[in-house]
């Protein structure tokens, strides 16, 4: 049973979140507050996971920032801008979901569901 927990950090984080929620309920913290906190942390993790996905998607490839004008001798040593075809081939690569994004999306989704369930429970 411990092998699948060691291989997947999402499951171990889910178990830790459930244990923390259980302890907070034992210490008489209102379920509405616990549910709201779970929902907010879940939303944060979903946004963080989407940032990881967008960050690995070459969003800023080909952008040019205008800096002060340089004379010919200074501009000669600057790197050349990539061609549009090169930028397009980089931007058209498939979306890559890293292990950090997968972790944030998995735990965040679970916490959102747990927050909704805890919020909807009667006092």
Protein backbone atom coordinates (compact mmCIF):
# COMPACT_ATOMS: atom_id res chain seq x y z
CA UNK A 1 0.00 0.00 0.00
CA UNK A 2 2.88 2.37 0.66
CA UNK A 3 4.36 1.94 -2.83
CA UNK A 4 1.65 3.95 -4.62
CA UNK A 5 1.91 6.72 -2.01
CA UNK A 6 5.67 7.02 -2.52
CA UNK A 7 5.32 7.09 -6.30
CA UNK A 8 2.62 9.77 -6.37
CA UNK A 9 3.11 12.95 -4.33
CA UNK A 10 -0.44 13.97 -5.22
CA UNK A 11 -1.89 11.17 -3.13
CA UNK A 12 0.34 11.91 -0.17
CA UNK A 13 -0.65 15.59 -0.33
CA UNK A 14 -4.33 14.64 -0.52
CA UNK A 15 -3.97 12.41 2.55
CA UNK A 16 -2.19 15.21 4.44
CA UNK A 17 -4.94 17.69 3.47
CA UNK A 18 -7.66 15.32 4.69
CA UNK A 19 -5.80 14.74 7.97
CA UNK A 20 -5.36 18.48 8.54
CA UNK A 21 -9.06 19.04 7.84
CA UNK A 22 -9.99 16.24 10.23
CA UNK A 23 -7.81 17.74 12.98
CA UNK A 24 -9.32 21.18 12.45
CA UNK A 25 -12.82 19.71 12.72
CA UNK A 26 -11.79 17.95 15.96
CA UNK A 27 -10.61 21.30 17.37
CA UNK A 28 -14.11 22.72 16.79
CA UNK A 29 -13.25 24.99 13.87
CA UNK A 30 -16.39 25.72 11.81
CA UNK A 31 -16.74 23.56 8.71
CA UNK A 32 -17.67 26.62 6.65
CA UNK A 33 -14.30 28.25 7.41
CA UNK A 34 -12.37 25.05 6.67
CA UNK A 35 -14.27 24.62 3.41
CA UNK A 36 -13.58 28.22 2.39
CA UNK A 37 -9.86 27.83 3.14
CA UNK A 38 -9.71 24.59 1.15
CA UNK A 39 -11.48 26.25 -1.77
CA UNK A 40 -9.10 29.25 -1.75
CA UNK A 41 -5.97 27.09 -1.56
CA UNK A 42 -7.38 24.88 -4.34
CA UNK A 43 -8.00 27.92 -6.56
CA UNK A 44 -4.47 29.14 -5.90
CA UNK A 45 -3.02 25.76 -6.88
CA UNK A 46 -5.14 25.64 -10.06
CA UNK A 47 -3.88 29.10 -11.08
CA UNK A 48 -0.30 28.11 -10.23
CA UNK A 49 -0.64 24.96 -12.33
CA UNK A 50 -1.94 26.99 -15.27
CA UNK A 51 1.03 29.36 -14.90
CA UNK A 52 3.37 26.36 -15.14
CA UNK A 53 1.57 25.18 -18.29
CA UNK A 54 1.64 28.61 -19.94
CA UNK A 55 5.26 29.12 -18.89
CA UNK A 56 6.38 26.00 -20.71
CA UNK A 57 4.39 26.98 -23.81
CA UNK A 58 6.91 29.50 -25.18
CA UNK A 59 4.46 32.37 -24.75
CA UNK A 60 7.06 35.12 -25.03
CA UNK A 61 9.04 33.67 -27.91
CA UNK A 62 9.77 36.29 -30.54
CA UNK A 63 8.96 39.36 -28.46
CA UNK A 64 11.17 42.35 -29.06
CA UNK A 65 11.67 44.99 -26.43
CA UNK A 66 12.74 48.43 -27.57
CA UNK A 67 15.73 49.72 -25.69
CA UNK A 68 17.72 52.87 -26.33
CA UNK A 69 19.07 53.46 -29.80
CA UNK A 70 22.61 52.22 -30.38
CA UNK A 71 25.14 53.34 -32.89
CA UNK A 72 26.30 50.99 -35.65
CA UNK A 73 29.31 49.62 -33.78
CA UNK A 74 27.27 48.70 -30.69
CA UNK A 75 24.43 47.20 -32.72
CA UNK A 76 26.83 45.02 -34.69
CA UNK A 77 27.54 42.84 -31.63
CA UNK A 78 23.86 42.37 -30.69
CA UNK A 79 22.23 39.02 -31.34
CA UNK A 80 20.10 38.88 -34.46
CA UNK A 81 16.34 38.57 -34.13
CA UNK A 82 14.89 35.19 -35.08
CA UNK A 83 12.91 34.84 -38.28
CA UNK A 84 9.13 34.54 -38.19
CA UNK A 85 9.26 30.95 -39.41
CA UNK A 86 11.56 29.97 -36.53
CA UNK A 87 9.33 31.68 -33.97
CA UNK A 88 6.24 30.04 -35.46
CA UNK A 89 7.77 26.57 -35.33
CA UNK A 90 8.62 27.08 -31.65
CA UNK A 91 5.19 28.46 -30.75
CA UNK A 92 3.35 25.68 -32.59
CA UNK A 93 4.91 22.90 -30.52
CA UNK A 94 2.48 20.76 -28.50
CA UNK A 95 1.52 21.83 -24.99
CA UNK A 96 3.70 20.25 -22.33
CA UNK A 97 2.28 19.63 -18.86
CA UNK A 98 5.13 19.31 -16.38
CA UNK A 99 5.03 17.23 -13.21
CA UNK A 100 4.68 20.42 -11.14
CA UNK A 101 1.65 21.51 -13.16
CA UNK A 102 0.10 18.05 -12.88
CA UNK A 103 0.68 18.10 -9.11
CA UNK A 104 -0.87 21.56 -8.67
CA UNK A 105 -3.87 20.71 -10.84
CA UNK A 106 -4.50 17.40 -9.07
CA UNK A 107 -4.24 18.66 -5.51
CA UNK A 108 -6.02 21.93 -6.36
CA UNK A 109 -8.95 20.10 -7.94
CA UNK A 110 -9.27 17.83 -4.93
CA UNK A 111 -9.17 20.76 -2.50
CA UNK A 112 -11.87 22.60 -4.46
CA UNK A 113 -14.14 19.54 -4.32
CA UNK A 114 -13.38 19.06 -0.62
CA UNK A 115 -14.09 22.73 0.06
CA UNK A 116 -17.46 22.55 -1.68
CA UNK A 117 -18.38 19.39 0.24
CA UNK A 118 -17.38 20.88 3.60
CA UNK A 119 -19.20 24.13 2.87
CA UNK A 120 -22.42 22.32 1.96
CA UNK A 121 -22.47 20.18 5.12
CA UNK A 122 -24.88 21.27 7.84
CA UNK A 123 -23.48 22.65 11.09
